[in-house]
Amino acid sequence: MNAVWLVIIGIVLFYIAYKTYGSYLANQWGVSDKTETPAHTKEDGVDYVPAKAPVLLGHHFSSIAGAGPIVGPVQAAIFGWAPVMLWIVIGGIFFGGVHDFGSIFASIRHGGKSIGEIIGANMGKKGKRLFSIFAWLTLLLIIAAFTNITANTFVSVPSAATSSLLFIVLAILFGFFVYRKNVPLGISTVIGVILLFLCVWLGMVFPLALSKEAWIFILLAYVFVASVVPVWILLQPRDYLSSFLLYALVIGAIIGIFVTHPSLQLNPFVGFNVDNTPLFPMLFVTVACGAISGFHSLVGSGTTSKQLDKESDAKLIGYGGMLIECVVAIVAIITAGYISHGELSNLLGDGGPVNVFSHGVGNFMASFGIPVATGTSFAALAVSAFAMTSLDTSTRLARFVFQEFFEDFQKEDKKSPLTNRYVATLITVVLAAILSFKGWDAIWPLFGSANQLLSALALMALAVWMSNLGKNNKMFTIPMVFMFAVTLSALVLLIKNNIASGQIVLVVFGILLFVLAIVLLVEAIKNLSKKKAKA
């Protein structure tokens, strides 16, 4: 099949969905710019900082994307490109977009608090505490997985390491001039993007080669700092500028696809069981960020909602941001289908999904004059930059969740040291470091299951909230039921496989996540049943 049709079909369907279903959701929920957002009512210069829609979209999109929409779809393509494409389109429009938009909006209406706090307000403290534990454990897996992926990329593509370090310096300068010297955003963006691509070039000229272990420690030190400094000085500007890398990558890849007219070498459907991996439920947890991701609810309610300038921006940033990520996922399966020559399993074993994606994009870009090696390196650089955005955002979110959890136990006249942002970050980073040395390929399946189960729990929280408001919640309950069925099934399989392979730490993680999810689901059912009985 000609891959051009996949791109056209995907973009057209996403545009129609944004204009129609996205607007329908906004009307159903009562999104209104008459309500002042927490970024203004709680502005503190650290976490609550109003941001213009383009800046916040860049920050949010960079944070939710990471390597997820690339690694997941490429891995899932072992089942064939057709089921992956169907899940990306259907999941993105009716699952992921609703989940992301809803999480941001709910957080705004709860003072910029996280999904855990929203559960607490609508289901009680028990539900909040259980969800906080679940979310924090999931974030540990995310930090460990993306630390591994980033370190591997830096070792295999040393130029990506240099560029990423230069990005950090550039972001600090950008944040300083925009937020402290009031340099206009347009001028700052033009200069910043030029310097961004200069960083890419310098990385290719001066590659920095270190061991994987050294990079893991450097990355963990970086995320500690990124978690505790004001959001305007590093996190927000870095993610905003890095988003232009991904925009350039996607545009370049799509132009290359239209010029090349690549034919997908991978079969549309391979089978319901491939290499002892069942399509159900593993397809739906492997694709992860390409269709729906619980991590997005933590980003939306953890950092994005604290920076939203006005409520109507939530549709663009939440629903629109998810659909843009779906386009990245479609490009990812095209790269897998194009360069695999029908042997994707062998290709995945030689460098992993990022390697598959980078070589595919490099081939597409060669069609309009960019050397294959340059295009491949640029793609690897972009992926590593976005993996780092997921890393620093995940650590900050884990810090928020940890602090909120222990705030419930402290006395009014005496603050607990566990609510201190430095202490909360340190504990998170140390435990994530222990998991980091397990290897991303061992962590990813459990991360995928935990991440998708987190999305089911977020949908559950949103459904209960809407029910308490007396509003239609079917847009949440239907995807919630499906995601619970998928993810609980996947966790059972993974616990069994990890027991067989002797991965005791991952077995314990899996069991904890499963039990917490079941208890939370029972609490939600009780809450919804009480509401129906009163009605």
Protein backbone atom coordinates (compact mmCIF):
# COMPACT_ATOMS: atom_id res chain seq x y z
CA MET A 1 0.00 0.00 0.00
CA ASN A 2 1.17 3.56 -0.74
CA ALA A 3 2.00 5.19 2.62
CA VAL A 4 0.85 8.62 1.38
CA TRP A 5 -2.76 7.50 1.86
CA LEU A 6 -2.16 6.71 5.53
CA VAL A 7 -0.90 10.25 6.13
CA ILE A 8 -3.76 11.89 4.21
CA ILE A 9 -6.47 9.77 5.86
CA GLY A 10 -5.03 10.35 9.32
CA ILE A 11 -4.64 14.14 9.02
CA VAL A 12 -8.10 14.61 7.45
CA LEU A 13 -9.83 12.52 10.12
CA PHE A 14 -7.97 14.30 12.93
CA TYR A 15 -8.84 17.74 11.55
CA ILE A 16 -12.53 16.82 11.25
CA ALA A 17 -12.49 15.37 14.78
CA TYR A 18 -10.88 18.50 16.23
CA LYS A 19 -13.45 20.79 14.63
CA THR A 20 -16.48 18.64 15.48
CA TYR A 21 -15.95 16.27 18.40
CA GLY A 22 -13.52 18.61 20.15
CA SER A 23 -16.06 21.44 20.00
CA TYR A 24 -18.84 19.08 21.13
CA LEU A 25 -16.82 18.15 24.23
CA ALA A 26 -16.13 21.81 25.05
CA ASN A 27 -19.85 22.59 24.85
CA GLN A 28 -20.84 19.56 26.92
CA TRP A 29 -18.42 20.43 29.71
CA GLY A 30 -19.09 24.17 29.72
CA VAL A 31 -15.63 25.46 28.80
CA SER A 32 -15.71 29.26 29.17
CA ASP A 33 -13.18 32.06 29.18
CA LYS A 34 -15.29 33.86 31.78
CA THR A 35 -13.68 31.63 34.41
CA GLU A 36 -10.21 32.82 35.45
CA THR A 37 -7.59 30.07 35.35
CA PRO A 38 -5.32 29.02 38.28
CA ALA A 39 -2.31 30.41 36.37
CA HIS A 40 -3.72 33.86 37.20
CA THR A 41 -5.48 33.26 40.53
CA LYS A 42 -2.48 31.40 42.02
CA GLU A 43 0.41 32.91 40.10
CA ASP A 44 3.62 32.32 42.10
CA GLY A 45 6.43 32.58 39.52
CA VAL A 46 7.49 28.96 40.11
CA ASP A 47 4.72 26.50 39.15
CA TYR A 48 1.72 28.76 38.42
CA VAL A 49 2.86 30.91 35.48
CA PRO A 50 0.49 32.08 32.67
CA ALA A 51 1.78 31.16 29.21
CA LYS A 52 0.58 32.10 25.75
CA ALA A 53 -1.13 29.26 23.88
CA PRO A 54 1.71 28.61 21.33
CA VAL A 55 4.30 28.43 24.13
CA LEU A 56 2.17 26.15 26.29
CA LEU A 57 1.27 23.92 23.32
CA GLY A 58 4.99 23.50 22.66
CA HIS A 59 5.69 22.72 26.31
CA HIS A 60 2.74 20.34 26.64
CA PHE A 61 3.33 18.60 23.32
CA SER A 62 7.05 18.13 24.04
CA SER A 63 6.24 16.73 27.47
CA ILE A 64 3.59 14.22 26.36
CA ALA A 65 5.37 13.11 23.17
CA GLY A 66 8.83 12.02 24.25
CA ALA A 67 9.83 8.81 22.51
CA GLY A 68 6.46 7.21 23.27
CA PRO A 69 4.63 7.74 19.93
CA ILE A 70 7.72 6.35 18.17
CA VAL A 71 8.79 3.41 20.33
CA GLY A 72 5.25 2.08 20.94
CA PRO A 73 3.84 2.04 17.37
CA VAL A 74 7.08 0.63 15.90
CA GLN A 75 7.10 -2.21 18.42
CA ALA A 76 3.38 -2.89 17.90
CA ALA A 77 3.87 -3.08 14.12
CA ILE A 78 4.90 -6.72 14.57
CA PHE A 79 1.13 -7.37 14.33
CA GLY A 80 0.99 -5.54 10.98
CA TRP A 81 0.46 -1.88 10.16
CA ALA A 82 -3.37 -2.04 9.83
CA PRO A 83 -4.33 -2.77 13.48
CA VAL A 84 -1.82 -0.18 14.69
CA MET A 85 -3.19 2.46 12.30
CA LEU A 86 -6.80 1.72 13.32
CA TRP A 87 -6.00 2.00 17.01
CA ILE A 88 -4.05 5.26 16.54
CA VAL A 89 -6.98 6.90 14.70
CA ILE A 90 -9.85 5.55 16.82
CA GLY A 91 -7.92 5.73 20.06
CA GLY A 92 -6.61 9.24 19.44
CA ILE A 93 -10.02 10.73 18.57
CA PHE A 94 -12.31 8.97 21.06
CA PHE A 95 -9.92 7.93 23.82
CA GLY A 96 -6.68 9.92 24.03
CA GLY A 97 -8.02 13.31 22.94
CA VAL A 98 -10.98 13.10 25.36
CA HIS A 99 -8.69 11.93 28.15
CA ASP A 100 -6.14 14.74 27.67
CA PHE A 101 -8.65 17.56 27.13
CA GLY A 102 -10.74 16.38 30.08
CA SER A 103 -7.75 16.11 32.42
CA ILE A 104 -6.65 19.69 31.75
CA PHE A 105 -10.17 21.08 32.08
CA ALA A 106 -10.92 19.17 35.29
CA SER A 107 -7.66 20.36 36.82
CA ILE A 108 -8.46 24.00 35.95
CA ARG A 109 -11.82 23.69 37.70
CA HIS A 110 -10.06 22.20 40.75
CA GLY A 111 -7.55 25.01 41.20
CA GLY A 112 -4.78 23.47 39.07
CA LYS A 113 -4.60 20.35 41.23
CA SER A 114 -3.56 16.93 39.94
CA ILE A 115 -5.85 14.05 38.98
CA GLY A 116 -5.17 12.58 42.43
CA GLU A 117 -6.61 15.69 44.06
CA ILE A 118 -9.62 15.55 41.72
CA ILE A 119 -10.25 11.98 42.85
CA GLY A 120 -9.96 13.15 46.45
CA ALA A 121 -12.53 15.89 45.90
CA ASN A 122 -15.00 13.53 44.21
CA MET A 123 -14.28 10.13 45.78
CA GLY A 124 -12.74 10.92 49.15
CA LYS A 125 -9.25 10.85 50.66
CA LYS A 126 -8.90 7.08 50.39
CA GLY A 127 -9.29 7.22 46.62
CA LYS A 128 -6.86 10.12 46.36
CA ARG A 129 -4.17 8.37 48.39
CA LEU A 130 -4.46 5.12 46.46
CA PHE A 131 -4.30 6.94 43.14
CA SER A 132 -1.31 9.00 44.28
CA ILE A 133 0.61 5.82 45.11
CA PHE A 134 -0.34 4.31 41.75
CA ALA A 135 0.64 7.46 39.82
CA TRP A 136 3.95 7.80 41.64
CA LEU A 137 4.91 4.16 40.95
CA THR A 138 4.01 4.64 37.27
CA LEU A 139 6.13 7.79 37.09
CA LEU A 140 9.10 5.88 38.53
CA LEU A 141 8.74 3.41 35.65
CA ILE A 142 8.51 6.27 33.13
CA ILE A 143 11.64 7.97 34.49
CA ALA A 144 13.54 4.68 34.47
CA ALA A 145 12.43 3.74 30.94
CA PHE A 146 13.18 7.13 29.36
CA THR A 147 16.49 7.47 31.20
CA ASN A 148 17.48 4.19 29.57
CA ILE A 149 16.22 5.15 26.11
CA THR A 150 17.97 8.53 26.25
CA ALA A 151 21.26 7.07 27.53
CA ASN A 152 21.19 4.43 24.78
CA THR A 153 20.59 7.11 22.15
CA PHE A 154 23.44 9.26 23.49
CA VAL A 155 25.81 6.27 23.31
CA SER A 156 24.79 5.26 19.77
CA VAL A 157 24.51 8.89 18.50
CA PRO A 158 27.03 11.00 20.51
CA SER A 159 26.05 14.13 18.55
CA ALA A 160 22.62 13.93 20.18
CA ALA A 161 24.26 14.19 23.60
CA THR A 162 26.11 17.41 22.77
CA SER A 163 23.03 19.00 21.20
CA SER A 164 20.83 18.08 24.16
CA LEU A 165 23.22 19.66 26.65
CA LEU A 166 23.39 22.82 24.53
CA PHE A 167 19.56 22.89 24.41
CA ILE A 168 19.53 23.23 28.21
CA VAL A 169 21.75 26.32 28.13
CA LEU A 170 19.68 27.81 25.28
CA ALA A 171 16.44 27.22 27.21
CA ILE A 172 17.73 29.03 30.29
CA LEU A 173 18.72 32.03 28.17
CA PHE A 174 15.36 31.99 26.35
CA GLY A 175 13.41 31.88 29.62
CA PHE A 176 15.50 34.70 31.10
CA PHE A 177 15.05 37.06 28.16
CA VAL A 178 11.32 36.33 27.63
CA TYR A 179 10.17 36.32 31.27
CA ARG A 180 12.64 38.68 32.93
CA LYS A 181 13.68 41.07 30.15
CA ASN A 182 10.28 41.05 28.37
CA VAL A 183 11.75 40.45 24.92
CA PRO A 184 8.79 39.85 22.52
CA LEU A 185 7.94 36.17 22.07
CA GLY A 186 8.03 36.36 18.25
CA ILE A 187 11.56 37.79 18.11
CA SER A 188 12.75 35.41 20.85
CA THR A 189 11.27 32.43 19.00
CA VAL A 190 12.97 33.28 15.69
CA ILE A 191 16.35 33.73 17.39
CA GLY A 192 15.79 30.71 19.61
CA VAL A 193 14.91 28.37 16.73
CA ILE A 194 17.97 29.54 14.75
CA LEU A 195 20.18 28.86 17.77
CA LEU A 196 18.36 25.55 18.29
CA PHE A 197 19.44 24.30 14.89
CA LEU A 198 22.92 25.72 15.52
CA CYS A 199 23.00 23.43 18.57
CA VAL A 200 22.10 20.51 16.30
CA TRP A 201 24.97 21.40 13.95
CA LEU A 202 27.45 21.83 16.83
CA GLY A 203 26.40 18.43 18.12
CA MET A 204 27.34 16.84 14.81
CA VAL A 205 30.69 18.66 14.79
CA PHE A 206 31.56 18.00 18.43
CA PRO A 207 29.98 14.66 19.47
CA LEU A 208 30.31 13.76 23.15
CA ALA A 209 31.00 10.06 23.74
CA LEU A 210 30.51 8.64 27.24
CA SER A 211 29.41 5.27 28.62
CA LYS A 212 25.75 4.42 29.13
CA GLU A 213 26.22 4.30 32.91
CA ALA A 214 27.79 7.78 32.92
CA TRP A 215 24.88 9.17 30.92
CA ILE A 216 22.34 7.60 33.28
CA PHE A 217 23.90 9.40 36.25
CA ILE A 218 24.18 12.70 34.34
CA LEU A 219 20.54 12.48 33.25
CA LEU A 220 19.35 11.72 36.78
CA ALA A 221 21.30 14.72 38.10
CA TYR A 222 19.73 16.89 35.38
CA VAL A 223 16.15 15.82 36.17
CA PHE A 224 16.72 16.54 39.86
CA VAL A 225 17.63 20.15 39.04
CA ALA A 226 14.83 20.47 36.44
CA SER A 227 12.28 19.33 39.02
CA VAL A 228 13.04 22.00 41.61
CA VAL A 229 13.86 25.17 39.62
CA PRO A 230 11.09 27.60 38.52
CA VAL A 231 9.17 26.29 35.50
CA TRP A 232 9.83 29.46 33.45
CA ILE A 233 13.62 29.18 33.55
CA LEU A 234 14.08 25.68 32.12
CA LEU A 235 11.10 23.35 31.68
CA GLN A 236 8.73 25.64 29.79
CA PRO A 237 11.26 27.28 27.40
CA ARG A 238 13.16 24.02 26.75
CA ASP A 239 10.00 22.16 25.83
CA TYR A 240 8.73 25.08 23.72
CA LEU A 241 11.94 25.33 21.69
CA SER A 242 12.31 21.56 21.42
CA SER A 243 8.82 21.34 19.95
CA PHE A 244 10.17 23.04 16.82
CA LEU A 245 12.53 20.10 16.42
CA LEU A 246 9.64 17.68 16.32
CA TYR A 247 7.59 19.95 14.06
CA ALA A 248 10.56 20.07 11.64
CA LEU A 249 11.01 16.32 11.94
CA VAL A 250 7.34 15.53 11.22
CA ILE A 251 7.09 18.07 8.37
CA GLY A 252 10.33 16.79 6.84
CA ALA A 253 9.21 13.17 7.14
CA ILE A 254 5.76 13.91 5.65
CA ILE A 255 7.26 15.87 2.73
CA GLY A 256 9.63 12.96 2.16
CA ILE A 257 6.73 10.50 2.22
CA PHE A 258 4.83 12.55 -0.40
CA VAL A 259 7.94 12.80 -2.61
CA THR A 260 9.02 9.18 -2.15
CA HIS A 261 5.56 7.56 -2.32
CA PRO A 262 6.90 4.66 -0.24
CA SER A 263 5.18 1.31 -0.44
CA LEU A 264 4.68 -0.43 2.90
CA GLN A 265 6.74 -3.64 2.89
CA LEU A 266 5.10 -4.94 6.06
CA ASN A 267 1.92 -7.01 5.81
CA PRO A 268 -1.24 -5.13 6.86
CA PHE A 269 -2.04 -7.93 9.32
CA VAL A 270 0.40 -10.56 10.56
CA GLY A 271 -1.66 -12.46 13.13
CA PHE A 272 -3.40 -12.48 16.49
CA ASN A 273 -0.34 -14.03 18.15
CA VAL A 274 3.17 -13.02 17.06
CA ASP A 275 6.30 -14.32 18.80
CA ASN A 276 4.13 -15.56 21.69
CA THR A 277 2.67 -12.05 22.11
CA PRO A 278 -1.15 -11.86 21.84
CA LEU A 279 -2.64 -8.94 19.91
CA PHE A 280 -5.20 -8.47 22.67
CA PRO A 281 -4.32 -6.92 25.04
CA MET A 282 -0.69 -6.18 24.12
CA LEU A 283 -1.35 -4.04 21.02
CA PHE A 284 -3.26 -1.50 23.11
CA VAL A 285 -0.65 -1.18 25.85
CA THR A 286 2.34 -1.23 23.48
CA VAL A 287 1.17 1.63 21.22
CA ALA A 288 0.72 3.68 24.42
CA CYS A 289 1.29 7.41 23.76
CA GLY A 290 0.35 7.07 20.08
CA ALA A 291 -3.36 6.61 20.95
CA ILE A 292 -3.93 7.21 24.69
CA SER A 293 -1.57 7.61 27.61
CA GLY A 294 -2.24 7.98 31.31
CA PHE A 295 0.98 9.96 31.57
CA HIS A 296 -0.77 12.74 29.63
CA SER A 297 -3.31 13.15 32.45
CA LEU A 298 -0.47 13.74 34.89
CA VAL A 299 1.14 16.30 32.56
CA GLY A 300 -2.18 18.03 31.82
CA SER A 301 -3.23 18.25 35.47
CA GLY A 302 0.27 18.57 36.88
CA THR A 303 2.05 21.27 34.86
CA THR A 304 -0.09 22.36 31.88
CA SER A 305 -3.17 23.42 33.88
CA LYS A 306 -0.97 25.61 36.09
CA GLN A 307 0.16 27.60 33.04
CA LEU A 308 -3.08 27.84 31.01
CA ASP A 309 -3.86 31.47 30.19
CA LYS A 310 -7.58 30.91 29.42
CA GLU A 311 -9.96 27.95 29.48
CA SER A 312 -10.57 27.82 25.72
CA ASP A 313 -6.85 27.09 25.21
CA ALA A 314 -7.48 23.66 26.77
CA LYS A 315 -9.07 22.36 23.56
CA LEU A 316 -6.08 23.30 21.40
CA ILE A 317 -3.48 22.11 23.88
CA GLY A 318 -5.27 19.00 25.20
CA TYR A 319 -7.32 17.63 22.30
CA GLY A 320 -5.18 19.21 19.55
CA GLY A 321 -1.89 18.20 21.16
CA MET A 322 -3.01 14.56 21.33
CA LEU A 323 -3.99 14.52 17.65
CA ILE A 324 -0.64 15.99 16.61
CA GLU A 325 1.01 13.18 18.54
CA CYS A 326 -1.12 10.69 16.62
CA VAL A 327 0.34 12.07 13.37
CA VAL A 328 3.83 11.34 14.75
CA ALA A 329 2.69 7.78 15.53
CA ILE A 330 1.44 7.32 11.94
CA VAL A 331 4.83 8.46 10.60
CA ALA A 332 6.45 5.94 12.98
CA ILE A 333 4.48 2.96 11.63
CA ILE A 334 5.21 4.09 8.07
CA THR A 335 8.96 4.06 8.79
CA ALA A 336 8.61 0.58 10.27
CA GLY A 337 6.56 -0.66 7.33
CA TYR A 338 8.86 0.90 4.73
CA ILE A 339 12.34 -0.20 5.82
CA SER A 340 11.45 -3.51 7.46
CA HIS A 341 11.16 -5.49 4.20
CA GLY A 342 8.74 -7.73 6.07
CA GLU A 343 11.32 -8.58 8.78
CA LEU A 344 10.51 -6.13 11.56
CA SER A 345 11.45 -8.48 14.42
CA ASN A 346 15.04 -8.73 13.17
CA LEU A 347 15.27 -4.98 12.66
CA LEU A 348 14.00 -4.24 16.16
CA GLY A 349 16.75 -6.44 17.54
CA ASP A 350 19.34 -4.30 15.75
CA GLY A 351 19.20 -0.91 17.48
CA GLY A 352 15.58 -0.88 18.65
CA PRO A 353 12.54 1.23 17.61
CA VAL A 354 14.37 4.58 17.65
CA ASN A 355 16.92 3.17 15.21
CA VAL A 356 14.11 1.94 12.92
CA PHE A 357 12.40 5.33 13.02
CA SER A 358 15.59 7.34 12.49
CA HIS A 359 16.67 5.31 9.46
CA GLY A 360 13.18 5.52 7.96
CA VAL A 361 13.04 9.31 8.34
CA GLY A 362 16.58 9.60 6.98
CA ASN A 363 15.51 7.71 3.86
CA PHE A 364 12.44 9.92 3.40
CA MET A 365 14.42 13.15 3.78
CA ALA A 366 16.94 11.96 1.21
CA SER A 367 14.18 12.32 -1.40
CA PHE A 368 14.47 16.12 -1.28
CA GLY A 369 18.24 16.46 -1.05
CA ILE A 370 19.18 15.85 2.59
CA PRO A 371 21.87 13.12 2.90
CA VAL A 372 20.60 9.92 4.52
CA ALA A 373 23.21 10.10 7.28
CA THR A 374 22.26 13.70 8.16
CA GLY A 375 18.53 12.93 8.16
CA THR A 376 19.08 9.84 10.30
CA SER A 377 21.21 11.77 12.82
CA PHE A 378 18.68 14.61 12.95
CA ALA A 379 15.85 12.17 13.66
CA ALA A 380 17.85 10.55 16.47
CA LEU A 381 18.63 14.00 17.89
CA ALA A 382 14.96 14.98 17.88
CA VAL A 383 13.85 11.75 19.57
CA SER A 384 16.49 12.08 22.29
CA ALA A 385 15.47 15.72 22.89
CA PHE A 386 11.88 14.64 23.41
CA ALA A 387 12.80 11.72 25.61
CA MET A 388 14.53 14.26 27.85
CA THR A 389 11.41 16.42 28.00
CA SER A 390 9.46 13.40 29.21
CA LEU A 391 12.17 12.78 31.77
CA ASP A 392 12.23 16.22 33.34
CA THR A 393 8.44 16.59 33.25
CA SER A 394 7.94 13.12 34.80
CA THR A 395 10.30 13.94 37.65
CA ARG A 396 8.52 17.21 38.38
CA LEU A 397 5.15 15.45 38.29
CA ALA A 398 6.39 12.72 40.62
CA ARG A 399 7.52 15.48 42.98
CA PHE A 400 4.06 17.08 42.88
CA VAL A 401 2.33 13.75 43.57
CA PHE A 402 4.71 12.88 46.41
CA GLN A 403 4.26 16.28 48.06
CA GLU A 404 0.46 16.24 47.71
CA PHE A 405 0.30 12.74 49.23
CA PHE A 406 2.16 13.71 52.42
CA GLU A 407 0.47 17.09 52.76
CA ASP A 408 -2.59 15.15 54.03
CA PHE A 409 -0.60 13.78 56.99
CA GLN A 410 1.19 16.91 58.20
CA LYS A 411 0.02 19.10 61.05
CA GLU A 412 -1.07 22.66 60.32
CA ASP A 413 1.62 24.16 62.54
CA LYS A 414 4.43 21.84 61.39
CA LYS A 415 5.40 20.98 57.85
CA SER A 416 6.61 17.48 57.07
CA PRO A 417 10.07 17.28 55.44
CA LEU A 418 8.49 14.88 52.92
CA THR A 419 6.52 17.81 51.48
CA ASN A 420 9.76 19.67 50.75
CA ARG A 421 10.36 19.76 46.98
CA TYR A 422 14.06 18.87 47.34
CA VAL A 423 13.40 15.86 49.57
CA ALA A 424 10.50 14.64 47.40
CA THR A 425 12.62 14.92 44.26
CA LEU A 426 15.63 13.18 45.82
CA ILE A 427 13.60 10.17 46.96
CA THR A 428 11.99 9.90 43.51
CA VAL A 429 15.28 10.13 41.62
CA VAL A 430 17.10 7.59 43.83
CA LEU A 431 14.36 4.95 43.43
CA ALA A 432 14.10 5.60 39.68
CA ALA A 433 17.88 5.18 39.45
CA ILE A 434 17.63 1.66 40.87
CA LEU A 435 15.05 0.74 38.21
CA SER A 436 17.05 2.44 35.43
CA PHE A 437 19.66 -0.29 35.41
CA LYS A 438 17.03 -2.94 34.55
CA GLY A 439 17.12 -1.90 30.87
CA TRP A 440 14.35 -0.19 28.89
CA ASP A 441 13.24 -3.39 27.12
CA ALA A 442 12.49 -5.05 30.47
CA ILE A 443 10.68 -1.97 31.82
CA TRP A 444 8.69 -0.94 28.71
CA PRO A 445 5.97 -3.66 28.78
CA LEU A 446 5.23 -2.97 32.46
CA PHE A 447 5.41 0.78 31.86
CA GLY A 448 2.96 0.40 28.95
CA SER A 449 0.48 -1.51 31.08
CA ALA A 450 0.81 0.82 34.06
CA ASN A 451 0.58 3.86 31.81
CA GLN A 452 -2.58 2.67 30.09
CA LEU A 453 -4.11 1.60 33.39
CA LEU A 454 -3.37 5.10 34.62
CA SER A 455 -5.43 6.42 31.69
CA ALA A 456 -8.33 4.19 32.76
CA LEU A 457 -8.09 5.58 36.30
CA ALA A 458 -7.99 9.17 34.98
CA LEU A 459 -11.06 8.49 32.83
CA MET A 460 -12.72 7.02 35.93
CA ALA A 461 -11.97 10.20 37.90
CA LEU A 462 -13.38 12.37 35.12
CA ALA A 463 -16.50 10.19 34.82
CA VAL A 464 -17.19 10.47 38.57
CA TRP A 465 -16.64 14.24 38.49
CA MET A 466 -19.05 14.71 35.58
CA SER A 467 -21.57 12.47 37.32
CA ASN A 468 -21.32 14.57 40.49
CA LEU A 469 -21.96 17.67 38.38
CA GLY A 470 -25.01 16.00 36.85
CA LYS A 471 -23.55 16.14 33.35
CA ASN A 472 -23.17 13.58 30.54
CA ASN A 473 -20.16 11.36 31.24
CA LYS A 474 -20.50 8.72 28.50
CA MET A 475 -17.48 10.13 26.65
CA PHE A 476 -15.47 8.97 29.68
CA THR A 477 -17.21 5.77 30.83
CA ILE A 478 -17.09 3.91 27.49
CA PRO A 479 -13.32 4.27 26.94
CA MET A 480 -12.77 3.70 30.68
CA VAL A 481 -14.37 0.24 30.59
CA PHE A 482 -12.32 -0.76 27.53
CA MET A 483 -9.03 0.45 29.01
CA PHE A 484 -9.63 -1.36 32.30
CA ALA A 485 -10.31 -4.61 30.40
CA VAL A 486 -7.15 -4.19 28.31
CA THR A 487 -4.74 -3.17 31.01
CA LEU A 488 -5.77 -5.53 33.79
CA SER A 489 -5.46 -8.42 31.31
CA ALA A 490 -2.02 -7.20 30.24
CA LEU A 491 -0.80 -6.89 33.83
CA VAL A 492 -1.78 -10.49 34.57
CA LEU A 493 0.23 -11.67 31.54
CA LEU A 494 3.25 -9.55 32.46
CA ILE A 495 3.26 -10.66 36.10
CA LYS A 496 3.26 -14.27 34.89
CA ASN A 497 6.10 -13.61 32.40
CA ASN A 498 8.22 -11.72 34.93
CA ILE A 499 7.81 -14.53 37.47
CA ALA A 500 9.06 -16.98 34.82
CA SER A 501 12.07 -14.79 34.00
CA GLY A 502 12.93 -14.06 37.64
CA GLN A 503 12.33 -10.27 37.49
CA ILE A 504 11.20 -10.04 41.11
CA VAL A 505 11.25 -6.22 41.35
CA LEU A 506 9.01 -5.94 38.28
CA VAL A 507 6.73 -8.68 39.66
CA VAL A 508 6.25 -6.68 42.87
CA PHE A 509 5.57 -3.51 40.84
CA GLY A 510 3.03 -5.36 38.70
CA ILE A 511 1.15 -6.82 41.68
CA LEU A 512 1.04 -3.46 43.49
CA LEU A 513 -0.33 -1.72 40.40
CA PHE A 514 -2.96 -4.42 39.84
CA VAL A 515 -4.22 -4.37 43.43
CA LEU A 516 -4.32 -0.56 43.60
CA ALA A 517 -6.27 -0.40 40.33
CA ILE A 518 -8.86 -2.93 41.48
CA VAL A 519 -9.43 -1.14 44.80
CA LEU A 520 -9.80 2.22 43.02
CA LEU A 521 -12.22 0.72 40.50
CA VAL A 522 -14.39 -0.68 43.31
CA GLU A 523 -14.42 2.76 44.98
CA ALA A 524 -15.49 4.42 41.72
CA ILE A 525 -18.29 1.91 41.13
CA LYS A 526 -19.59 2.54 44.67
CA ASN A 527 -19.49 6.29 44.07
CA LEU A 528 -21.28 6.10 40.73
CA SER A 529 -23.86 3.69 42.17
CA LYS A 530 -24.64 6.07 45.04
CA LYS A 531 -25.14 8.91 42.57
CA LYS A 532 -27.54 6.83 40.48
CA ALA A 533 -29.46 5.75 43.59
CA LYS A 534 -29.93 9.39 44.66
CA ALA A 535 -31.08 10.31 41.16
